[in-house]
PDB file of N, CA and C in Angstrom:
ATOM      1  N   MET A   1     -36.575  28.303  41.391  1.00  0.00           N
ATOM      2  CA  MET A   1     -37.529  27.540  40.707  1.00  0.00           C
ATOM      3  C   MET A   1     -36.769  26.347  40.253  1.00  0.00           C
ATOM      4  N   THR A   2     -37.391  25.136  40.333  1.00  0.00           N
ATOM      5  CA  THR A   2     -36.758  23.930  39.923  1.00  0.00           C
ATOM      6  C   THR A   2     -37.423  23.415  38.613  1.00  0.00           C
ATOM      7  N   GLN A   3     -36.620  22.669  37.845  1.00  0.00           N
ATOM      8  CA  GLN A   3     -37.190  22.145  36.573  1.00  0.00           C
ATOM      9  C   GLN A   3     -38.002  20.913  36.912  1.00  0.00           C
ATOM     10  N   THR A   4     -39.090  20.879  36.184  1.00  0.00           N
ATOM     11  CA  THR A   4     -39.898  19.635  36.271  1.00  0.00           C
ATOM     12  C   THR A   4     -39.966  18.979  34.857  1.00  0.00           C
ATOM     13  N   GLU A   5     -40.211  17.763  34.885  1.00  0.00           N
ATOM     14  CA  GLU A   5     -40.388  17.047  33.559  1.00  0.00           C
ATOM     15  C   GLU A   5     -41.686  17.278  32.941  1.00  0.00           C
ATOM     16  N   GLU A   6     -42.509  18.067  33.507  1.00  0.00           N
ATOM     17  CA  GLU A   6     -43.915  18.233  32.968  1.00  0.00           C
ATOM     18  C   GLU A   6     -43.845  19.064  31.682  1.00  0.00           C
ATOM     19  N   HIS A   7     -42.883  20.030  31.478  1.00  0.00           N
ATOM     20  CA  HIS A   7     -42.789  20.836  30.347  1.00  0.00           C
ATOM     21  C   HIS A   7     -41.289  21.046  30.055  1.00  0.00           C
ATOM     22  N   PRO A   8     -40.601  19.958  29.633  1.00  0.00           N
ATOM     23  CA  PRO A   8     -39.177  20.206  29.393  1.00  0.00           C
ATOM     24  C   PRO A   8     -38.773  20.971  28.321  1.00  0.00           C
ATOM     25  N   TRP A   9     -39.789  21.257  27.292  1.00  0.00           N
ATOM     26  CA  TRP A   9     -39.433  22.049  26.162  1.00  0.00           C
ATOM     27  C   TRP A   9     -39.198  23.508  26.484  1.00  0.00           C
ATOM     28  N   HIS A  10     -39.544  23.886  27.834  1.00  0.00           N
ATOM     29  CA  HIS A  10     -39.161  25.281  28.273  1.00  0.00           C
ATOM     30  C   HIS A  10     -37.938  25.368  28.988  1.00  0.00           C
ATOM     31  N   TYR A  11     -37.141  24.334  28.979  1.00  0.00           N
ATOM     32  CA  TYR A  11     -35.863  24.296  29.762  1.00  0.00           C
ATOM     33  C   TYR A  11     -34.921  25.164  28.991  1.00  0.00           C
ATOM     34  N   PRO A  12     -33.911  25.692  29.646  1.00  0.00           N
ATOM     35  CA  PRO A  12     -32.807  26.336  28.941  1.00  0.00           C
ATOM     36  C   PRO A  12     -32.048  25.383  27.983  1.00  0.00           C
ATOM     37  N   ASP A  13     -31.480  25.807  26.905  1.00  0.00           N
ATOM     38  CA  ASP A  13     -30.899  25.044  25.912  1.00  0.00           C
ATOM     39  C   ASP A  13     -30.147  23.800  26.384  1.00  0.00           C
ATOM     40  N   ILE A  14     -29.197  23.971  27.306  1.00  0.00           N
ATOM     41  CA  ILE A  14     -28.372  22.918  27.647  1.00  0.00           C
ATOM     42  C   ILE A  14     -29.084  21.914  28.514  1.00  0.00           C
ATOM     43  N   ALA A  15     -30.027  22.359  29.336  1.00  0.00           N
ATOM     44  CA  ALA A  15     -30.930  21.513  30.179  1.00  0.00           C
ATOM     45  C   ALA A  15     -31.780  20.626  29.229  1.00  0.00           C
ATOM     46  N   PHE A  16     -32.264  21.225  28.297  1.00  0.00           N
ATOM     47  CA  PHE A  16     -33.145  20.468  27.319  1.00  0.00           C
ATOM     48  C   PHE A  16     -32.350  19.408  26.534  1.00  0.00           C
ATOM     49  N   VAL A  17     -31.157  19.726  26.184  1.00  0.00           N
ATOM     50  CA  VAL A  17     -30.246  18.747  25.439  1.00  0.00           C
ATOM     51  C   VAL A  17     -29.929  17.626  26.371  1.00  0.00           C
ATOM     52  N   ARG A  18     -29.643  17.893  27.587  1.00  0.00           N
ATOM     53  CA  ARG A  18     -29.351  16.880  28.557  1.00  0.00           C
ATOM     54  C   ARG A  18     -30.607  16.050  28.817  1.00  0.00           C
ATOM     55  N   TYR A  19     -31.806  16.638  28.828  1.00  0.00           N
ATOM     56  CA  TYR A  19     -32.996  15.828  29.004  1.00  0.00           C
ATOM     57  C   TYR A  19     -33.175  14.857  27.907  1.00  0.00           C
ATOM     58  N   CYS A  20     -32.886  15.291  26.657  1.00  0.00           N
ATOM     59  CA  CYS A  20     -32.984  14.429  25.543  1.00  0.00           C
ATOM     60  C   CYS A  20     -31.972  13.387  25.514  1.00  0.00           C
ATOM     61  N   GLU A  21     -30.769  13.660  26.066  1.00  0.00           N
ATOM     62  CA  GLU A  21     -29.663  12.724  26.230  1.00  0.00           C
ATOM     63  C   GLU A  21     -29.837  11.554  27.149  1.00  0.00           C
ATOM     64  N   LYS A  22     -30.885  11.686  27.877  1.00  0.00           N
ATOM     65  CA  LYS A  22     -31.323  10.652  28.704  1.00  0.00           C
ATOM     66  C   LYS A  22     -31.703   9.384  28.036  1.00  0.00           C
ATOM     67  N   SER A  23     -32.132   9.480  26.725  1.00  0.00           N
ATOM     68  CA  SER A  23     -32.339   8.461  25.851  1.00  0.00           C
ATOM     69  C   SER A  23     -31.009   7.791  25.440  1.00  0.00           C
ATOM     70  N   PRO A  24     -30.831   6.428  25.395  1.00  0.00           N
ATOM     71  CA  PRO A  24     -29.615   5.928  25.045  1.00  0.00           C
ATOM     72  C   PRO A  24     -29.323   6.049  23.530  1.00  0.00           C
ATOM     73  N   LEU A  25     -30.274   6.478  22.831  1.00  0.00           N
ATOM     74  CA  LEU A  25     -30.187   6.715  21.439  1.00  0.00           C
ATOM     75  C   LEU A  25     -29.650   8.109  20.970  1.00  0.00           C
ATOM     76  N   ILE A  26     -29.645   8.942  21.952  1.00  0.00           N
ATOM     77  CA  ILE A  26     -29.371  10.393  21.685  1.00  0.00           C
ATOM     78  C   ILE A  26     -28.154  10.878  22.310  1.00  0.00           C
ATOM     79  N   ASN A  27     -27.187  11.439  21.551  1.00  0.00           N
ATOM     80  CA  ASN A  27     -26.014  12.144  22.120  1.00  0.00           C
ATOM     81  C   ASN A  27     -26.124  13.559  21.514  1.00  0.00           C
ATOM     82  N   ARG A  28     -25.168  14.399  21.895  1.00  0.00           N
ATOM     83  CA  ARG A  28     -25.196  15.704  21.425  1.00  0.00           C
ATOM     84  C   ARG A  28     -25.192  15.873  19.890  1.00  0.00           C
ATOM     85  N   GLY A  29     -24.466  15.074  19.223  1.00  0.00           N
ATOM     86  CA  GLY A  29     -24.371  15.117  17.735  1.00  0.00           C
ATOM     87  C   GLY A  29     -25.591  14.770  17.147  1.00  0.00           C
ATOM     88  N   ILE A  30     -26.277  13.646  17.618  1.00  0.00           N
ATOM     89  CA  ILE A  30     -27.563  13.234  17.140  1.00  0.00           C
ATOM     90  C   ILE A  30     -28.618  14.285  17.462  1.00  0.00           C
ATOM     91  N   TYR A  31     -28.586  14.826  18.624  1.00  0.00           N
ATOM     92  CA  TYR A  31     -29.620  15.878  19.040  1.00  0.00           C
ATOM     93  C   TYR A  31     -29.469  17.096  18.015  1.00  0.00           C
ATOM     94  N   ASN A  32     -28.302  17.388  17.790  1.00  0.00           N
ATOM     95  CA  ASN A  32     -28.009  18.598  16.815  1.00  0.00           C
ATOM     96  C   ASN A  32     -28.588  18.376  15.446  1.00  0.00           C
ATOM     97  N   THR A  33     -28.397  17.167  14.933  1.00  0.00           N
ATOM     98  CA  THR A  33     -28.779  16.741  13.685  1.00  0.00           C
ATOM     99  C   THR A  33     -30.331  16.682  13.564  1.00  0.00           C
ATOM    100  N   ILE A  34     -31.009  16.146  14.622  1.00  0.00           N
ATOM    101  CA  ILE A  34     -32.425  16.162  14.771  1.00  0.00           C
ATOM    102  C   ILE A  34     -32.981  17.533  14.766  1.00  0.00           C
ATOM    103  N   ASP A  35     -32.368  18.482  15.561  1.00  0.00           N
ATOM    104  CA  ASP A  35     -32.816  19.771  15.802  1.00  0.00           C
ATOM    105  C   ASP A  35     -32.739  20.591  14.260  1.00  0.00           C
ATOM    106  N   SER A  36     -31.664  20.317  13.761  1.00  0.00           N
ATOM    107  CA  SER A  36     -31.427  20.905  12.394  1.00  0.00           C
ATOM    108  C   SER A  36     -32.461  20.438  11.267  1.00  0.00           C
ATOM    109  N   MET A  37     -32.789  19.130  11.377  1.00  0.00           N
ATOM    110  CA  MET A  37     -33.648  18.534  10.378  1.00  0.00           C
ATOM    111  C   MET A  37     -35.060  19.180  10.609  1.00  0.00           C
ATOM    112  N   PHE A  38     -35.519  19.251  11.833  1.00  0.00           N
ATOM    113  CA  PHE A  38     -36.797  19.889  12.066  1.00  0.00           C
ATOM    114  C   PHE A  38     -36.860  21.410  11.688  1.00  0.00           C
ATOM    115  N   TYR A  39     -35.716  22.077  11.942  1.00  0.00           N
ATOM    116  CA  TYR A  39     -35.720  23.409  11.580  1.00  0.00           C
ATOM    117  C   TYR A  39     -35.811  23.633  10.079  1.00  0.00           C
ATOM    118  N   GLN A  40     -35.114  22.701   9.250  1.00  0.00           N
ATOM    119  CA  GLN A  40     -35.203  22.717   7.868  1.00  0.00           C
ATOM    120  C   GLN A  40     -36.502  22.409   7.286  1.00  0.00           C
ATOM    121  N   LEU A  41     -37.373  21.624   8.173  1.00  0.00           N
ATOM    122  CA  LEU A  41     -38.741  21.209   7.757  1.00  0.00           C
ATOM    123  C   LEU A  41     -39.728  22.319   8.051  1.00  0.00           C
ATOM    124  N   GLY A  42     -39.223  23.419   8.588  1.00  0.00           N
ATOM    125  CA  GLY A  42     -40.094  24.540   8.894  1.00  0.00           C
ATOM    126  C   GLY A  42     -40.527  24.828  10.315  1.00  0.00           C
ATOM    127  N   TYR A  43     -39.952  23.992  11.153  1.00  0.00           N
ATOM    128  CA  TYR A  43     -40.292  24.160  12.670  1.00  0.00           C
ATOM    129  C   TYR A  43     -39.317  25.187  13.215  1.00  0.00           C
ATOM    130  N   THR A  44     -39.632  26.465  12.922  1.00  0.00           N
ATOM    131  CA  THR A  44     -38.662  27.520  13.314  1.00  0.00           C
ATOM    132  C   THR A  44     -39.012  28.023  14.729  1.00  0.00           C
ATOM    133  N   GLU A  45     -40.127  27.884  15.235  1.00  0.00           N
ATOM    134  CA  GLU A  45     -40.454  28.227  16.519  1.00  0.00           C
ATOM    135  C   GLU A  45     -39.943  27.181  17.511  1.00  0.00           C
ATOM    136  N   VAL A  46     -39.140  27.741  18.464  1.00  0.00           N
ATOM    137  CA  VAL A  46     -38.363  26.777  19.259  1.00  0.00           C
ATOM    138  C   VAL A  46     -39.224  25.796  20.161  1.00  0.00           C
ATOM    139  N   VAL A  47     -40.296  26.201  20.742  1.00  0.00           N
ATOM    140  CA  VAL A  47     -41.075  25.273  21.499  1.00  0.00           C
ATOM    141  C   VAL A  47     -41.680  24.211  20.673  1.00  0.00           C
ATOM    142  N   GLU A  48     -42.257  24.653  19.583  1.00  0.00           N
ATOM    143  CA  GLU A  48     -42.875  23.614  18.729  1.00  0.00           C
ATOM    144  C   GLU A  48     -41.857  22.592  18.185  1.00  0.00           C
ATOM    145  N   ARG A  49     -40.652  23.141  17.858  1.00  0.00           N
ATOM    146  CA  ARG A  49     -39.646  22.191  17.365  1.00  0.00           C
ATOM    147  C   ARG A  49     -39.171  21.212  18.513  1.00  0.00           C
ATOM    148  N   ARG A  50     -39.043  21.728  19.623  1.00  0.00           N
ATOM    149  CA  ARG A  50     -38.720  20.891  20.778  1.00  0.00           C
ATOM    150  C   ARG A  50     -39.809  19.914  21.183  1.00  0.00           C
ATOM    151  N   LYS A  51     -41.016  20.241  21.047  1.00  0.00           N
ATOM    152  CA  LYS A  51     -42.119  19.252  21.194  1.00  0.00           C
ATOM    153  C   LYS A  51     -41.908  18.088  20.142  1.00  0.00           C
ATOM    154  N   GLN A  52     -41.674  18.522  18.862  1.00  0.00           N
ATOM    155  CA  GLN A  52     -41.486  17.554  17.764  1.00  0.00           C
ATOM    156  C   GLN A  52     -40.280  16.654  18.112  1.00  0.00           C
ATOM    157  N   ILE A  53     -39.172  17.248  18.564  1.00  0.00           N
ATOM    158  CA  ILE A  53     -37.977  16.465  18.929  1.00  0.00           C
ATOM    159  C   ILE A  53     -38.375  15.480  19.967  1.00  0.00           C
ATOM    160  N   LEU A  54     -39.097  15.831  20.993  1.00  0.00           N
ATOM    161  CA  LEU A  54     -39.383  14.866  21.979  1.00  0.00           C
ATOM    162  C   LEU A  54     -40.320  13.686  21.427  1.00  0.00           C
ATOM    163  N   SER A  55     -41.252  14.033  20.610  1.00  0.00           N
ATOM    164  CA  SER A  55     -42.126  13.099  19.973  1.00  0.00           C
ATOM    165  C   SER A  55     -41.338  12.090  19.139  1.00  0.00           C
ATOM    166  N   PHE A  56     -40.312  12.637  18.433  1.00  0.00           N
ATOM    167  CA  PHE A  56     -39.487  11.849  17.541  1.00  0.00           C
ATOM    168  C   PHE A  56     -38.687  10.893  18.466  1.00  0.00           C
ATOM    169  N   ILE A  57     -38.048  11.361  19.536  1.00  0.00           N
ATOM    170  CA  ILE A  57     -37.366  10.476  20.430  1.00  0.00           C
ATOM    171  C   ILE A  57     -38.236   9.400  20.970  1.00  0.00           C
ATOM    172  N   ARG A  58     -39.430   9.737  21.384  1.00  0.00           N
ATOM    173  CA  ARG A  58     -40.365   8.691  21.856  1.00  0.00           C
ATOM    174  C   ARG A  58     -40.608   7.731  20.754  1.00  0.00           C
ATOM    175  N   PHE A  59     -40.852   8.195  19.581  1.00  0.00           N
ATOM    176  CA  PHE A  59     -41.054   7.308  18.434  1.00  0.00           C
ATOM    177  C   PHE A  59     -39.910   6.345  18.239  1.00  0.00           C
ATOM    178  N   LEU A  60     -38.768   6.801  18.318  1.00  0.00           N
ATOM    179  CA  LEU A  60     -37.513   5.925  18.181  1.00  0.00           C
ATOM    180  C   LEU A  60     -37.442   4.861  19.300  1.00  0.00           C
ATOM    181  N   GLN A  61     -37.843   5.354  20.543  1.00  0.00           N
ATOM    182  CA  GLN A  61     -37.747   4.500  21.730  1.00  0.00           C
ATOM    183  C   GLN A  61     -38.842   3.340  21.534  1.00  0.00           C
ATOM    184  N   GLU A  62     -39.965   3.745  21.065  1.00  0.00           N
ATOM    185  CA  GLU A  62     -41.102   2.693  20.968  1.00  0.00           C
ATOM    186  C   GLU A  62     -40.785   1.712  19.908  1.00  0.00           C
ATOM    187  N   LYS A  63     -39.877   2.040  18.943  1.00  0.00           N
ATOM    188  CA  LYS A  63     -39.513   1.013  17.903  1.00  0.00           C
ATOM    189  C   LYS A  63     -38.507  -0.031  18.611  1.00  0.00           C
ATOM    190  N   GLU A  64     -38.139   0.235  19.864  1.00  0.00           N
ATOM    191  CA  GLU A  64     -37.257  -0.611  20.468  1.00  0.00           C
ATOM    192  C   GLU A  64     -36.015  -0.929  19.711  1.00  0.00           C
ATOM    193  N   ARG A  65     -35.437   0.063  19.269  1.00  0.00           N
ATOM    194  CA  ARG A  65     -34.154  -0.048  18.489  1.00  0.00           C
ATOM    195  C   ARG A  65     -33.078  -0.790  19.276  1.00  0.00           C
ATOM    196  N   LYS A  66     -32.515  -1.768  18.728  1.00  0.00           N
ATOM    197  CA  LYS A  66     -31.473  -2.514  19.477  1.00  0.00           C
ATOM    198  C   LYS A  66     -30.113  -1.846  19.221  1.00  0.00           C
ATOM    199  N   GLU A  67     -29.851  -1.387  18.059  1.00  0.00           N
ATOM    200  CA  GLU A  67     -28.493  -0.874  17.780  1.00  0.00           C
ATOM    201  C   GLU A  67     -28.457   0.655  18.276  1.00  0.00           C
ATOM    202  N   LYS A  68     -27.255   1.039  18.445  1.00  0.00           N
ATOM    203  CA  LYS A  68     -27.046   2.419  19.031  1.00  0.00           C
ATOM    204  C   LYS A  68     -26.970   3.453  17.982  1.00  0.00           C
ATOM    205  N   GLY A  69     -26.283   3.077  16.814  1.00  0.00           N
ATOM    206  CA  GLY A  69     -26.117   3.982  15.680  1.00  0.00           C
ATOM    207  C   GLY A  69     -27.277   3.997  14.689  1.00  0.00           C
ATOM    208  N   PHE A  70     -27.253   4.964  13.940  1.00  0.00           N
ATOM    209  CA  PHE A  70     -28.267   4.970  12.828  1.00  0.00           C
ATOM    210  C   PHE A  70     -27.817   4.625  11.491  1.00  0.00           C
ATOM    211  N   GLY A  71     -26.559   4.539  11.331  1.00  0.00           N
ATOM    212  CA  GLY A  71     -26.002   4.209  10.028  1.00  0.00           C
ATOM    213  C   GLY A  71     -26.082   5.442   9.062  1.00  0.00           C
ATOM    214  N   ARG A  72     -25.515   5.259   7.895  1.00  0.00           N
ATOM    215  CA  ARG A  72     -25.513   6.399   6.977  1.00  0.00           C
ATOM    216  C   ARG A  72     -26.893   6.593   6.449  1.00  0.00           C
ATOM    217  N   LYS A  73     -27.469   7.807   6.532  1.00  0.00           N
ATOM    218  CA  LYS A  73     -28.736   8.232   6.146  1.00  0.00           C
ATOM    219  C   LYS A  73     -29.951   7.541   7.062  1.00  0.00           C
ATOM    220  N   GLY A  74     -29.524   6.769   8.075  1.00  0.00           N
ATOM    221  CA  GLY A  74     -30.549   6.147   8.862  1.00  0.00           C
ATOM    222  C   GLY A  74     -31.344   6.974   9.629  1.00  0.00           C
ATOM    223  N   LEU A  75     -30.786   8.092  10.186  1.00  0.00           N
ATOM    224  CA  LEU A  75     -31.476   9.077  10.974  1.00  0.00           C
ATOM    225  C   LEU A  75     -32.639   9.733  10.100  1.00  0.00           C
ATOM    226  N   ARG A  76     -32.217  10.060   8.909  1.00  0.00           N
ATOM    227  CA  ARG A  76     -33.204  10.750   7.904  1.00  0.00           C
ATOM    228  C   ARG A  76     -34.312   9.707   7.633  1.00  0.00           C
ATOM    229  N   ALA A  77     -34.031   8.472   7.506  1.00  0.00           N
ATOM    230  CA  ALA A  77     -35.042   7.458   7.158  1.00  0.00           C
ATOM    231  C   ALA A  77     -35.906   7.333   8.324  1.00  0.00           C
ATOM    232  N   GLU A  78     -35.417   7.368   9.531  1.00  0.00           N
ATOM    233  CA  GLU A  78     -36.294   7.327  10.762  1.00  0.00           C
ATOM    234  C   GLU A  78     -37.227   8.645  10.821  1.00  0.00           C
ATOM    235  N   LEU A  79     -36.642   9.767  10.516  1.00  0.00           N
ATOM    236  CA  LEU A  79     -37.511  10.953  10.459  1.00  0.00           C
ATOM    237  C   LEU A  79     -38.614  10.832   9.438  1.00  0.00           C
ATOM    238  N   GLU A  80     -38.273  10.345   8.337  1.00  0.00           N
ATOM    239  CA  GLU A  80     -39.391  10.160   7.220  1.00  0.00           C
ATOM    240  C   GLU A  80     -40.416   9.174   7.751  1.00  0.00           C
ATOM    241  N   ALA A  81     -40.070   8.121   8.390  1.00  0.00           N
ATOM    242  CA  ALA A  81     -40.988   7.232   8.953  1.00  0.00           C
ATOM    243  C   ALA A  81     -41.845   7.950  10.052  1.00  0.00           C
ATOM    244  N   PHE A  82     -41.209   8.615  10.840  1.00  0.00           N
ATOM    245  CA  PHE A  82     -41.930   9.343  11.966  1.00  0.00           C
ATOM    246  C   PHE A  82     -43.079  10.302  11.338  1.00  0.00           C
ATOM    247  N   LEU A  83     -42.538  11.079  10.300  1.00  0.00           N
ATOM    248  CA  LEU A  83     -43.472  12.034   9.621  1.00  0.00           C
ATOM    249  C   LEU A  83     -44.621  11.357   8.941  1.00  0.00           C
ATOM    250  N   ALA A  84     -44.361  10.290   8.348  1.00  0.00           N
ATOM    251  CA  ALA A  84     -45.479   9.440   7.707  1.00  0.00           C
ATOM    252  C   ALA A  84     -46.395   8.857   8.714  1.00  0.00           C
ATOM    253  N   ALA A  85     -45.938   8.569   9.924  1.00  0.00           N
ATOM    254  CA  ALA A  85     -46.829   7.971  10.959  1.00  0.00           C
ATOM    255  C   ALA A  85     -47.705   8.942  11.640  1.00  0.00           C
ATOM    256  N   GLU A  86     -47.413  10.327  11.483  1.00  0.00           N
ATOM    257  CA  GLU A  86     -48.121  11.395  12.121  1.00  0.00           C
ATOM    258  C   GLU A  86     -49.501  11.495  11.533  1.00  0.00           C
TER     259      GLU A  86
END
């Protein structure tokens, strides 16, 4: 069975992380931080958390961020803006 991009939230862990890393804004450390932040917000069910992670990455990409890094507490501020926009 091959992976399709139709439902990437069902990928095995490493494949899902690699899928997220296709975004130039995301590396393994940023992904881990995002995953942890959503878990702390109560997204304990893996599929729902992964769907939120993908939505958040799309949100970041739509903002057309020019810089690569988020700066100190920048990722948290982006998450708060994402949650406020929902």
